Amino acid sequence: ALVFDFINGFHDTANSIATSVLTRALSIPKAILMAAGLNFLGAFVSEHVATTIGKGIVDPSAVTQAVVLAALLGAIVWNLITWYLGLPSSSSHALIGGVVGAAMAAEFSWSIAGGTVTWGIHFGAFQVAGLRKILIALLVSPLSGYLVGLLLMVTLSWVFRRVAMHRLSQWFRFFQVGSAGFMAFSHGGNDAQKSM
């Protein structure tokens, strides 16, 4: 779990500070300290993500230590592959996929009777409502993020169309640091809980 958290950190956390470092709104050491501190604080805000991962995907009675280990190892391997290849992916969905895949493998059964091999996967351990909620969020969140970002960019461009660029740069650096801090905090509220 600690290895998964560490890999999740270098896989995802940089997203919150990358633009602030690129535009020199924050130095690298200040950005790292801000992201680390706010990610840590964000973990204490809510337990909704931990509850969903722990109880909302698979019935807790079907989860053994082997299922947890397989789920974490699957998510670690997937995160390392996507990080190495530079592919955008979600550590949350990697862990959810690991839990579902490990639970599915644990529910796998087979038998040989009369020279015939029969096998099957029993889906009784899966929490359909939790999986549905995650799938909807997986589909809706990128689209809603795109639409809100587009709307904000158009609105800001229109509102500040007559303001001098150097004044905007000063204001927006301040707002950029604030938004990076908020993103780091919310990242902690979501991602830091997964291992719990």
N, C-alpha and C. Protein backbone atom coordinates (compact mmCIF):
# COMPACT_ATOMS: atom_id res chain seq x y z
N ALA A 1 0.83 -1.20 0.00
CA ALA A 1 0.00 0.00 0.00
C ALA A 1 0.87 1.26 0.00
N LEU A 2 1.97 1.22 0.73
CA LEU A 2 2.88 2.38 0.74
C LEU A 2 3.54 2.57 -0.62
N VAL A 3 3.92 1.48 -1.27
CA VAL A 3 4.51 1.58 -2.61
C VAL A 3 3.48 2.15 -3.59
N PHE A 4 2.24 1.67 -3.50
CA PHE A 4 1.19 2.22 -4.37
C PHE A 4 1.01 3.71 -4.13
N ASP A 5 0.96 4.13 -2.86
CA ASP A 5 0.81 5.55 -2.56
C ASP A 5 1.97 6.37 -3.10
N PHE A 6 3.19 5.84 -2.95
CA PHE A 6 4.36 6.55 -3.46
C PHE A 6 4.29 6.71 -4.98
N ILE A 7 3.97 5.62 -5.67
CA ILE A 7 3.89 5.66 -7.13
C ILE A 7 2.73 6.55 -7.57
N ASN A 8 1.61 6.49 -6.86
CA ASN A 8 0.48 7.38 -7.14
C ASN A 8 0.92 8.83 -7.00
N GLY A 9 1.75 9.11 -6.00
CA GLY A 9 2.24 10.48 -5.79
C GLY A 9 3.04 11.00 -6.96
N PHE A 10 4.04 10.22 -7.43
CA PHE A 10 4.82 10.76 -8.55
C PHE A 10 4.10 10.60 -9.87
N HIS A 11 3.07 9.77 -9.92
CA HIS A 11 2.29 9.59 -11.14
C HIS A 11 1.28 10.73 -11.31
N ASP A 12 0.65 11.15 -10.23
CA ASP A 12 -0.48 12.09 -10.32
C ASP A 12 -0.25 13.46 -9.69
N THR A 13 0.51 13.55 -8.62
CA THR A 13 0.60 14.79 -7.86
C THR A 13 1.23 15.93 -8.65
N ALA A 14 2.14 15.62 -9.53
CA ALA A 14 2.79 16.68 -10.31
C ALA A 14 1.79 17.47 -11.14
N ASN A 15 0.65 16.87 -11.45
CA ASN A 15 -0.37 17.58 -12.24
C ASN A 15 -0.80 18.87 -11.57
N SER A 16 -0.84 18.88 -10.24
CA SER A 16 -1.35 20.06 -9.53
C SER A 16 -0.36 21.21 -9.55
N ILE A 17 0.92 20.94 -9.69
CA ILE A 17 1.90 22.02 -9.61
C ILE A 17 2.63 22.31 -10.92
N ALA A 18 2.42 21.51 -11.93
CA ALA A 18 3.19 21.64 -13.17
C ALA A 18 3.07 23.03 -13.80
N THR A 19 1.85 23.55 -13.91
CA THR A 19 1.70 24.85 -14.56
C THR A 19 2.29 25.97 -13.73
N SER A 20 2.18 25.88 -12.40
CA SER A 20 2.75 26.92 -11.54
C SER A 20 4.27 26.96 -11.63
N VAL A 21 4.88 25.81 -11.78
CA VAL A 21 6.33 25.75 -11.94
C VAL A 21 6.73 26.23 -13.34
N LEU A 22 5.98 25.81 -14.34
CA LEU A 22 6.28 26.19 -15.72
C LEU A 22 6.22 27.71 -15.92
N THR A 23 5.22 28.35 -15.33
CA THR A 23 5.08 29.80 -15.48
C THR A 23 5.90 30.59 -14.47
N ARG A 24 6.63 29.88 -13.62
CA ARG A 24 7.47 30.47 -12.57
C ARG A 24 6.67 31.22 -11.51
N ALA A 25 5.41 30.85 -11.37
CA ALA A 25 4.62 31.41 -10.27
C ALA A 25 5.12 30.84 -8.94
N LEU A 26 5.66 29.63 -8.98
CA LEU A 26 6.25 28.99 -7.81
C LEU A 26 7.59 28.36 -8.20
N SER A 27 8.53 28.39 -7.27
CA SER A 27 9.77 27.66 -7.51
C SER A 27 9.49 26.18 -7.27
N ILE A 28 10.36 25.33 -7.77
CA ILE A 28 10.15 23.89 -7.62
C ILE A 28 10.08 23.48 -6.15
N PRO A 29 11.02 23.91 -5.28
CA PRO A 29 10.92 23.50 -3.88
C PRO A 29 9.63 23.98 -3.20
N LYS A 30 9.21 25.22 -3.46
CA LYS A 30 7.98 25.72 -2.86
C LYS A 30 6.76 24.96 -3.38
N ALA A 31 6.76 24.66 -4.66
CA ALA A 31 5.64 23.91 -5.25
C ALA A 31 5.54 22.51 -4.65
N ILE A 32 6.68 21.85 -4.47
CA ILE A 32 6.69 20.50 -3.89
C ILE A 32 6.21 20.54 -2.44
N LEU A 33 6.70 21.50 -1.67
CA LEU A 33 6.25 21.61 -0.28
C LEU A 33 4.76 21.90 -0.20
N MET A 34 4.27 22.80 -1.06
CA MET A 34 2.85 23.12 -1.06
C MET A 34 2.03 21.88 -1.43
N ALA A 35 2.42 21.18 -2.47
CA ALA A 35 1.67 20.00 -2.91
C ALA A 35 1.70 18.91 -1.85
N ALA A 36 2.86 18.68 -1.25
CA ALA A 36 2.95 17.63 -0.23
C ALA A 36 2.09 17.97 0.99
N GLY A 37 2.19 19.20 1.46
CA GLY A 37 1.42 19.61 2.63
C GLY A 37 -0.07 19.58 2.39
N LEU A 38 -0.51 20.10 1.25
CA LEU A 38 -1.95 20.14 0.97
C LEU A 38 -2.51 18.76 0.62
N ASN A 39 -1.71 17.92 -0.01
CA ASN A 39 -2.16 16.53 -0.23
C ASN A 39 -2.36 15.83 1.10
N PHE A 40 -1.44 16.05 2.03
CA PHE A 40 -1.54 15.44 3.35
C PHE A 40 -2.78 15.93 4.09
N LEU A 41 -3.01 17.24 4.08
CA LEU A 41 -4.19 17.79 4.75
C LEU A 41 -5.49 17.33 4.09
N GLY A 42 -5.49 17.23 2.78
CA GLY A 42 -6.68 16.80 2.06
C GLY A 42 -7.15 15.41 2.43
N ALA A 43 -6.23 14.56 2.85
CA ALA A 43 -6.59 13.19 3.22
C ALA A 43 -7.51 13.13 4.43
N PHE A 44 -7.52 14.19 5.24
CA PHE A 44 -8.31 14.18 6.46
C PHE A 44 -9.69 14.81 6.30
N VAL A 45 -10.02 15.27 5.11
CA VAL A 45 -11.26 16.01 4.90
C VAL A 45 -12.49 15.11 4.90
N SER A 46 -12.42 13.98 4.24
CA SER A 46 -13.59 13.15 4.05
C SER A 46 -13.17 11.70 3.94
N GLU A 47 -14.10 10.81 4.14
CA GLU A 47 -13.81 9.38 4.01
C GLU A 47 -14.61 8.74 2.87
N HIS A 48 -15.22 9.56 2.02
CA HIS A 48 -16.09 9.02 0.97
C HIS A 48 -15.34 8.13 -0.01
N VAL A 49 -14.16 8.56 -0.43
CA VAL A 49 -13.40 7.75 -1.40
C VAL A 49 -12.95 6.45 -0.75
N ALA A 50 -12.46 6.53 0.48
CA ALA A 50 -12.03 5.30 1.17
C ALA A 50 -13.19 4.33 1.35
N THR A 51 -14.37 4.86 1.66
CA THR A 51 -15.55 4.01 1.83
C THR A 51 -15.95 3.36 0.51
N THR A 52 -15.93 4.14 -0.57
CA THR A 52 -16.30 3.58 -1.87
C THR A 52 -15.33 2.49 -2.30
N ILE A 53 -14.03 2.74 -2.16
CA ILE A 53 -13.04 1.74 -2.55
C ILE A 53 -13.14 0.52 -1.64
N GLY A 54 -13.32 0.74 -0.33
CA GLY A 54 -13.33 -0.36 0.63
C GLY A 54 -14.60 -1.18 0.66
N LYS A 55 -15.76 -0.53 0.43
CA LYS A 55 -17.02 -1.25 0.58
C LYS A 55 -17.95 -1.12 -0.62
N GLY A 56 -17.71 -0.15 -1.50
CA GLY A 56 -18.66 0.14 -2.56
C GLY A 56 -18.45 -0.60 -3.86
N ILE A 57 -17.34 -1.32 -4.01
CA ILE A 57 -17.04 -2.00 -5.27
C ILE A 57 -17.26 -3.50 -5.14
N VAL A 58 -16.69 -4.06 -4.09
CA VAL A 58 -16.76 -5.50 -3.85
C VAL A 58 -17.19 -5.69 -2.39
N ASP A 59 -18.00 -6.69 -2.16
CA ASP A 59 -18.43 -7.00 -0.79
C ASP A 59 -17.19 -7.27 0.07
N PRO A 60 -17.04 -6.53 1.18
CA PRO A 60 -15.84 -6.71 2.01
C PRO A 60 -15.61 -8.14 2.49
N SER A 61 -16.66 -8.92 2.62
CA SER A 61 -16.47 -10.32 3.06
C SER A 61 -15.77 -11.16 2.00
N ALA A 62 -15.78 -10.71 0.74
CA ALA A 62 -15.14 -11.46 -0.34
C ALA A 62 -13.69 -11.03 -0.55
N VAL A 63 -13.25 -10.03 0.20
CA VAL A 63 -11.90 -9.49 0.01
C VAL A 63 -10.95 -10.11 1.03
N THR A 64 -10.00 -10.85 0.52
CA THR A 64 -8.97 -11.47 1.36
C THR A 64 -7.68 -10.66 1.22
N GLN A 65 -6.68 -11.03 2.01
CA GLN A 65 -5.37 -10.37 1.89
C GLN A 65 -4.77 -10.60 0.50
N ALA A 66 -5.02 -11.78 -0.07
CA ALA A 66 -4.52 -12.08 -1.41
C ALA A 66 -5.19 -11.17 -2.45
N VAL A 67 -6.48 -10.91 -2.31
CA VAL A 67 -7.19 -10.01 -3.23
C VAL A 67 -6.62 -8.60 -3.13
N VAL A 68 -6.39 -8.14 -1.90
CA VAL A 68 -5.83 -6.79 -1.70
C VAL A 68 -4.44 -6.70 -2.32
N LEU A 69 -3.61 -7.70 -2.06
CA LEU A 69 -2.25 -7.69 -2.61
C LEU A 69 -2.27 -7.71 -4.14
N ALA A 70 -3.11 -8.56 -4.73
CA ALA A 70 -3.20 -8.63 -6.19
C ALA A 70 -3.71 -7.32 -6.77
N ALA A 71 -4.70 -6.70 -6.11
CA ALA A 71 -5.24 -5.42 -6.59
C ALA A 71 -4.17 -4.34 -6.55
N LEU A 72 -3.42 -4.26 -5.46
CA LEU A 72 -2.36 -3.25 -5.34
C LEU A 72 -1.24 -3.49 -6.34
N LEU A 73 -0.83 -4.74 -6.50
CA LEU A 73 0.24 -5.04 -7.46
C LEU A 73 -0.20 -4.74 -8.89
N GLY A 74 -1.45 -5.06 -9.22
CA GLY A 74 -1.96 -4.74 -10.55
C GLY A 74 -1.97 -3.24 -10.80
N ALA A 75 -2.41 -2.46 -9.82
CA ALA A 75 -2.44 -1.00 -9.96
C ALA A 75 -1.03 -0.42 -10.04
N ILE A 76 -0.10 -0.97 -9.26
CA ILE A 76 1.29 -0.50 -9.29
C ILE A 76 1.89 -0.74 -10.67
N VAL A 77 1.73 -1.94 -11.18
CA VAL A 77 2.30 -2.28 -12.50
C VAL A 77 1.69 -1.38 -13.58
N TRP A 78 0.37 -1.20 -13.55
CA TRP A 78 -0.28 -0.36 -14.56
C TRP A 78 0.21 1.09 -14.45
N ASN A 79 0.33 1.62 -13.24
CA ASN A 79 0.83 2.99 -13.07
C ASN A 79 2.25 3.13 -13.61
N LEU A 80 3.09 2.15 -13.34
CA LEU A 80 4.48 2.23 -13.83
C LEU A 80 4.54 2.15 -15.35
N ILE A 81 3.73 1.30 -15.95
CA ILE A 81 3.70 1.19 -17.41
C ILE A 81 3.25 2.51 -18.03
N THR A 82 2.13 3.06 -17.53
CA THR A 82 1.61 4.30 -18.12
C THR A 82 2.53 5.48 -17.84
N TRP A 83 3.19 5.50 -16.69
CA TRP A 83 4.15 6.57 -16.38
C TRP A 83 5.34 6.47 -17.33
N TYR A 84 5.88 5.27 -17.52
CA TYR A 84 7.04 5.08 -18.40
C TYR A 84 6.73 5.46 -19.84
N LEU A 85 5.53 5.12 -20.30
CA LEU A 85 5.13 5.42 -21.68
C LEU A 85 4.58 6.84 -21.83
N GLY A 86 4.41 7.55 -20.72
CA GLY A 86 3.88 8.91 -20.78
C GLY A 86 2.40 8.96 -21.13
N LEU A 87 1.67 7.92 -20.78
CA LEU A 87 0.24 7.86 -21.08
C LEU A 87 -0.57 8.44 -19.93
N PRO A 88 -1.53 9.29 -20.23
CA PRO A 88 -2.38 9.80 -19.14
C PRO A 88 -3.32 8.69 -18.66
N SER A 89 -3.29 8.44 -17.38
CA SER A 89 -4.18 7.44 -16.81
C SER A 89 -4.47 7.82 -15.37
N SER A 90 -5.46 7.20 -14.82
CA SER A 90 -5.90 7.50 -13.46
C SER A 90 -5.46 6.39 -12.51
N SER A 91 -4.76 6.77 -11.45
CA SER A 91 -4.38 5.80 -10.44
C SER A 91 -5.60 5.26 -9.71
N SER A 92 -6.62 6.10 -9.58
CA SER A 92 -7.87 5.65 -8.94
C SER A 92 -8.50 4.53 -9.74
N HIS A 93 -8.60 4.73 -11.03
CA HIS A 93 -9.22 3.70 -11.87
C HIS A 93 -8.33 2.47 -12.00
N ALA A 94 -7.01 2.67 -11.90
CA ALA A 94 -6.10 1.51 -11.90
C ALA A 94 -6.36 0.65 -10.66
N LEU A 95 -6.53 1.30 -9.51
CA LEU A 95 -6.80 0.54 -8.29
C LEU A 95 -8.17 -0.11 -8.33
N ILE A 96 -9.16 0.60 -8.83
CA ILE A 96 -10.50 0.03 -8.94
C ILE A 96 -10.49 -1.18 -9.87
N GLY A 97 -9.80 -1.04 -11.01
CA GLY A 97 -9.66 -2.18 -11.92
C GLY A 97 -8.93 -3.33 -11.27
N GLY A 98 -7.91 -3.02 -10.46
CA GLY A 98 -7.18 -4.07 -9.74
C GLY A 98 -8.06 -4.80 -8.74
N VAL A 99 -8.90 -4.04 -8.02
CA VAL A 99 -9.81 -4.66 -7.05
C VAL A 99 -10.82 -5.54 -7.77
N VAL A 100 -11.41 -5.02 -8.84
CA VAL A 100 -12.41 -5.79 -9.58
C VAL A 100 -11.77 -7.04 -10.20
N GLY A 101 -10.62 -6.88 -10.82
CA GLY A 101 -9.95 -8.03 -11.43
C GLY A 101 -9.52 -9.08 -10.42
N ALA A 102 -8.98 -8.64 -9.29
CA ALA A 102 -8.55 -9.58 -8.25
C ALA A 102 -9.75 -10.29 -7.63
N ALA A 103 -10.82 -9.55 -7.39
CA ALA A 103 -12.03 -10.17 -6.83
C ALA A 103 -12.64 -11.15 -7.83
N MET A 104 -12.59 -10.80 -9.11
CA MET A 104 -13.12 -11.69 -10.14
C MET A 104 -12.29 -12.98 -10.19
N ALA A 105 -10.97 -12.84 -10.12
CA ALA A 105 -10.11 -14.03 -10.13
C ALA A 105 -10.34 -14.88 -8.88
N ALA A 106 -10.61 -14.25 -7.74
CA ALA A 106 -10.87 -15.00 -6.51
C ALA A 106 -12.19 -15.75 -6.59
N GLU A 107 -13.13 -15.22 -7.37
CA GLU A 107 -14.44 -15.86 -7.51
C GLU A 107 -14.44 -16.93 -8.61
N PHE A 108 -13.33 -17.05 -9.32
CA PHE A 108 -13.23 -18.02 -10.40
C PHE A 108 -13.22 -19.43 -9.82
N SER A 109 -13.98 -20.32 -10.43
CA SER A 109 -13.98 -21.71 -9.97
C SER A 109 -13.99 -22.63 -11.19
N TRP A 110 -13.40 -23.77 -11.01
CA TRP A 110 -13.42 -24.75 -12.09
C TRP A 110 -13.42 -26.15 -11.48
N SER A 111 -13.91 -27.07 -12.26
CA SER A 111 -13.94 -28.46 -11.78
C SER A 111 -13.88 -29.40 -12.99
N ILE A 112 -13.44 -30.61 -12.70
CA ILE A 112 -13.38 -31.65 -13.72
C ILE A 112 -14.31 -32.77 -13.24
N ALA A 113 -15.32 -33.05 -14.03
CA ALA A 113 -16.25 -34.13 -13.69
C ALA A 113 -16.54 -34.94 -14.95
N GLY A 114 -16.26 -36.21 -14.91
CA GLY A 114 -16.53 -37.09 -16.05
C GLY A 114 -15.76 -36.69 -17.29
N GLY A 115 -14.55 -36.19 -17.12
CA GLY A 115 -13.73 -35.80 -18.26
C GLY A 115 -14.08 -34.45 -18.85
N THR A 116 -15.05 -33.73 -18.25
CA THR A 116 -15.45 -32.41 -18.74
C THR A 116 -14.99 -31.34 -17.76
N VAL A 117 -14.38 -30.31 -18.29
CA VAL A 117 -13.94 -29.19 -17.46
C VAL A 117 -15.03 -28.13 -17.49
N THR A 118 -15.47 -27.74 -16.32
CA THR A 118 -16.44 -26.64 -16.22
C THR A 118 -15.81 -25.53 -15.39
N TRP A 119 -16.12 -24.33 -15.77
CA TRP A 119 -15.58 -23.19 -15.05
C TRP A 119 -16.60 -22.06 -15.04
N GLY A 120 -16.38 -21.14 -14.15
CA GLY A 120 -17.29 -20.01 -14.09
C GLY A 120 -16.80 -18.95 -13.13
N ILE A 121 -17.30 -17.77 -13.32
CA ILE A 121 -17.01 -16.64 -12.44
C ILE A 121 -18.32 -16.24 -11.80
N HIS A 122 -18.32 -16.11 -10.50
CA HIS A 122 -19.52 -15.73 -9.77
C HIS A 122 -19.42 -14.24 -9.45
N PHE A 123 -20.42 -13.50 -9.86
CA PHE A 123 -20.38 -12.05 -9.71
C PHE A 123 -21.14 -11.56 -8.47
N GLY A 124 -21.48 -12.46 -7.57
CA GLY A 124 -22.26 -12.08 -6.40
C GLY A 124 -21.55 -11.13 -5.46
N ALA A 125 -20.21 -11.08 -5.50
CA ALA A 125 -19.47 -10.22 -4.58
C ALA A 125 -19.42 -8.76 -5.03
N PHE A 126 -19.79 -8.49 -6.27
CA PHE A 126 -19.66 -7.14 -6.79
C PHE A 126 -20.82 -6.25 -6.36
N GLN A 127 -20.51 -5.01 -6.01
CA GLN A 127 -21.51 -4.01 -5.65
C GLN A 127 -21.84 -3.22 -6.92
N VAL A 128 -22.92 -3.58 -7.58
CA VAL A 128 -23.27 -2.99 -8.87
C VAL A 128 -23.50 -1.48 -8.76
N ALA A 129 -24.14 -1.03 -7.69
CA ALA A 129 -24.42 0.42 -7.54
C ALA A 129 -23.11 1.21 -7.45
N GLY A 130 -22.14 0.69 -6.71
CA GLY A 130 -20.85 1.38 -6.60
C GLY A 130 -20.09 1.39 -7.91
N LEU A 131 -20.10 0.28 -8.62
CA LEU A 131 -19.42 0.21 -9.92
C LEU A 131 -20.10 1.13 -10.93
N ARG A 132 -21.41 1.20 -10.89
CA ARG A 132 -22.15 2.09 -11.80
C ARG A 132 -21.77 3.55 -11.52
N LYS A 133 -21.70 3.93 -10.24
CA LYS A 133 -21.33 5.29 -9.87
C LYS A 133 -19.94 5.65 -10.39
N ILE A 134 -19.01 4.71 -10.28
CA ILE A 134 -17.64 4.94 -10.75
C ILE A 134 -17.60 5.05 -12.27
N LEU A 135 -18.32 4.19 -12.97
CA LEU A 135 -18.34 4.25 -14.44
C LEU A 135 -18.95 5.56 -14.94
N ILE A 136 -20.01 6.01 -14.28
CA ILE A 136 -20.62 7.29 -14.67
C ILE A 136 -19.63 8.43 -14.46
N ALA A 137 -18.95 8.43 -13.31
CA ALA A 137 -17.96 9.48 -13.05
C ALA A 137 -16.81 9.42 -14.06
N LEU A 138 -16.41 8.21 -14.43
CA LEU A 138 -15.33 8.03 -15.41
C LEU A 138 -15.70 8.66 -16.75
N LEU A 139 -16.95 8.54 -17.14
CA LEU A 139 -17.39 9.08 -18.42
C LEU A 139 -17.73 10.57 -18.34
N VAL A 140 -18.31 11.00 -17.23
CA VAL A 140 -18.80 12.38 -17.12
C VAL A 140 -17.69 13.37 -16.75
N SER A 141 -16.75 12.97 -15.90
CA SER A 141 -15.77 13.94 -15.40
C SER A 141 -14.88 14.58 -16.47
N PRO A 142 -14.34 13.84 -17.44
CA PRO A 142 -13.54 14.53 -18.46
C PRO A 142 -14.37 15.50 -19.30
N LEU A 143 -15.57 15.09 -19.65
CA LEU A 143 -16.43 15.96 -20.45
C LEU A 143 -16.83 17.21 -19.67
N SER A 144 -17.22 17.04 -18.41
CA SER A 144 -17.60 18.21 -17.61
C SER A 144 -16.39 19.11 -17.35
N GLY A 145 -15.22 18.54 -17.13
CA GLY A 145 -14.01 19.34 -16.96
C GLY A 145 -13.70 20.15 -18.21
N TYR A 146 -13.85 19.54 -19.35
CA TYR A 146 -13.64 20.24 -20.62
C TYR A 146 -14.62 21.40 -20.77
N LEU A 147 -15.90 21.13 -20.52
CA LEU A 147 -16.92 22.17 -20.70
C LEU A 147 -16.76 23.31 -19.70
N VAL A 148 -16.47 23.01 -18.45
CA VAL A 148 -16.27 24.07 -17.45
C VAL A 148 -15.02 24.87 -17.77
N GLY A 149 -13.94 24.19 -18.17
CA GLY A 149 -12.72 24.89 -18.56
C GLY A 149 -12.94 25.81 -19.76
N LEU A 150 -13.67 25.34 -20.74
CA LEU A 150 -13.99 26.15 -21.91
C LEU A 150 -14.81 27.37 -21.52
N LEU A 151 -15.83 27.14 -20.70
CA LEU A 151 -16.69 28.24 -20.26
C LEU A 151 -15.90 29.27 -19.45
N LEU A 152 -15.05 28.82 -18.55
CA LEU A 152 -14.24 29.76 -17.76
C LEU A 152 -13.26 30.53 -18.63
N MET A 153 -12.63 29.85 -19.58
CA MET A 153 -11.66 30.54 -20.45
C MET A 153 -12.34 31.61 -21.30
N VAL A 154 -13.49 31.28 -21.86
CA VAL A 154 -14.22 32.26 -22.67
C VAL A 154 -14.67 33.44 -21.79
N THR A 155 -15.17 33.13 -20.60
CA THR A 155 -15.63 34.18 -19.69
C THR A 155 -14.48 35.09 -19.26
N LEU A 156 -13.35 34.50 -18.86
CA LEU A 156 -12.20 35.30 -18.43
C LEU A 156 -11.65 36.13 -19.58
N SER A 157 -11.58 35.55 -20.76
CA SER A 157 -11.08 36.30 -21.92
C SER A 157 -11.98 37.50 -22.22
N TRP A 158 -13.27 37.32 -22.07
CA TRP A 158 -14.19 38.42 -22.35
C TRP A 158 -14.14 39.47 -21.24
N VAL A 159 -14.13 39.05 -19.98
CA VAL A 159 -14.14 40.00 -18.86
C VAL A 159 -12.88 40.84 -18.84
N PHE A 160 -11.73 40.25 -19.12
CA PHE A 160 -10.45 40.96 -19.01
C PHE A 160 -9.89 41.38 -20.37
N ARG A 161 -10.71 41.51 -21.36
CA ARG A 161 -10.22 41.83 -22.72
C ARG A 161 -9.57 43.19 -22.81
N ARG A 162 -9.89 44.12 -21.92
CA ARG A 162 -9.34 45.48 -22.00
C ARG A 162 -8.27 45.76 -20.95
N VAL A 163 -7.85 44.75 -20.20
CA VAL A 163 -6.84 44.93 -19.16
C VAL A 163 -5.47 44.63 -19.75
N ALA A 164 -4.48 45.43 -19.36
CA ALA A 164 -3.12 45.25 -19.86
C ALA A 164 -2.57 43.88 -19.45
N MET A 165 -1.82 43.27 -20.37
CA MET A 165 -1.32 41.92 -20.17
C MET A 165 -0.42 41.80 -18.94
N HIS A 166 0.44 42.79 -18.66
CA HIS A 166 1.35 42.68 -17.51
C HIS A 166 0.58 42.71 -16.19
N ARG A 167 -0.53 43.45 -16.13
CA ARG A 167 -1.35 43.46 -14.91
C ARG A 167 -2.05 42.11 -14.74
N LEU A 168 -2.54 41.56 -15.82
CA LEU A 168 -3.19 40.25 -15.75
C LEU A 168 -2.22 39.17 -15.30
N SER A 169 -0.99 39.24 -15.78
CA SER A 169 0.01 38.23 -15.41
C SER A 169 0.24 38.24 -13.90
N GLN A 170 0.31 39.41 -13.30
CA GLN A 170 0.52 39.50 -11.84
C GLN A 170 -0.67 38.90 -11.09
N TRP A 171 -1.89 39.25 -11.48
CA TRP A 171 -3.07 38.73 -10.80
C TRP A 171 -3.19 37.22 -11.00
N PHE A 172 -2.99 36.81 -12.23
CA PHE A 172 -3.22 35.41 -12.53
C PHE A 172 -2.17 34.49 -11.91
N ARG A 173 -0.97 35.00 -11.66
CA ARG A 173 0.01 34.19 -10.94
C ARG A 173 -0.49 33.87 -9.54
N PHE A 174 -1.06 34.87 -8.89
CA PHE A 174 -1.62 34.67 -7.56
C PHE A 174 -2.75 33.64 -7.62
N PHE A 175 -3.65 33.79 -8.57
CA PHE A 175 -4.77 32.85 -8.70
C PHE A 175 -4.29 31.45 -9.11
N GLN A 176 -3.23 31.41 -9.89
CA GLN A 176 -2.69 30.13 -10.32
C GLN A 176 -2.13 29.35 -9.14
N VAL A 177 -1.45 30.03 -8.24
CA VAL A 177 -0.93 29.37 -7.04
C VAL A 177 -2.11 28.87 -6.18
N GLY A 178 -3.14 29.69 -6.06
CA GLY A 178 -4.32 29.28 -5.29
C GLY A 178 -5.01 28.07 -5.90
N SER A 179 -5.16 28.07 -7.21
CA SER A 179 -5.83 26.93 -7.86
C SER A 179 -4.96 25.68 -7.79
N ALA A 180 -3.63 25.83 -7.88
CA ALA A 180 -2.74 24.67 -7.74
C ALA A 180 -2.83 24.11 -6.32
N GLY A 181 -2.91 25.00 -5.33
CA GLY A 181 -3.07 24.55 -3.95
C GLY A 181 -4.38 23.82 -3.75
N PHE A 182 -5.45 24.37 -4.33
CA PHE A 182 -6.76 23.71 -4.21
C PHE A 182 -6.74 22.35 -4.88
N MET A 183 -6.09 22.26 -6.03
CA MET A 183 -6.01 20.97 -6.73
C MET A 183 -5.22 19.96 -5.92
N ALA A 184 -4.12 20.40 -5.29
CA ALA A 184 -3.33 19.50 -4.45
C ALA A 184 -4.15 19.03 -3.25
N PHE A 185 -4.90 19.95 -2.65
CA PHE A 185 -5.74 19.62 -1.50
C PHE A 185 -6.82 18.61 -1.89
N SER A 186 -7.49 18.85 -3.02
CA SER A 186 -8.54 17.93 -3.44
C SER A 186 -7.96 16.59 -3.90
N HIS A 187 -6.73 16.61 -4.43
CA HIS A 187 -6.05 15.37 -4.78
C HIS A 187 -5.83 14.53 -3.53
N GLY A 188 -5.44 15.19 -2.44
CA GLY A 188 -5.28 14.48 -1.18
C GLY A 188 -6.60 13.93 -0.67
N GLY A 189 -7.67 14.71 -0.85
CA GLY A 189 -8.99 14.26 -0.42
C GLY A 189 -9.51 13.08 -1.21
N ASN A 190 -9.02 12.92 -2.42
CA ASN A 190 -9.45 11.79 -3.25
C ASN A 190 -8.41 10.66 -3.25
N ASP A 191 -7.21 10.97 -3.69
CA ASP A 191 -6.23 9.92 -3.95
C ASP A 191 -5.54 9.40 -2.70
N ALA A 192 -5.31 10.24 -1.72
CA ALA A 192 -4.60 9.76 -0.53
C ALA A 192 -5.43 8.73 0.24
N GLN A 193 -6.73 8.74 0.05
CA GLN A 193 -7.60 7.82 0.79
C GLN A 193 -7.67 6.43 0.18
N LYS A 194 -7.28 6.30 -1.07
CA LYS A 194 -7.46 5.01 -1.75
C LYS A 194 -6.79 3.87 -1.02
N SER A 195 -5.60 4.10 -0.53
CA SER A 195 -4.88 3.02 0.16
C SER A 195 -5.47 2.71 1.52
N MET A 196 -6.13 3.72 2.12
CA MET A 196 -6.79 3.44 3.40
C MET A 196 -7.86 2.40 3.21
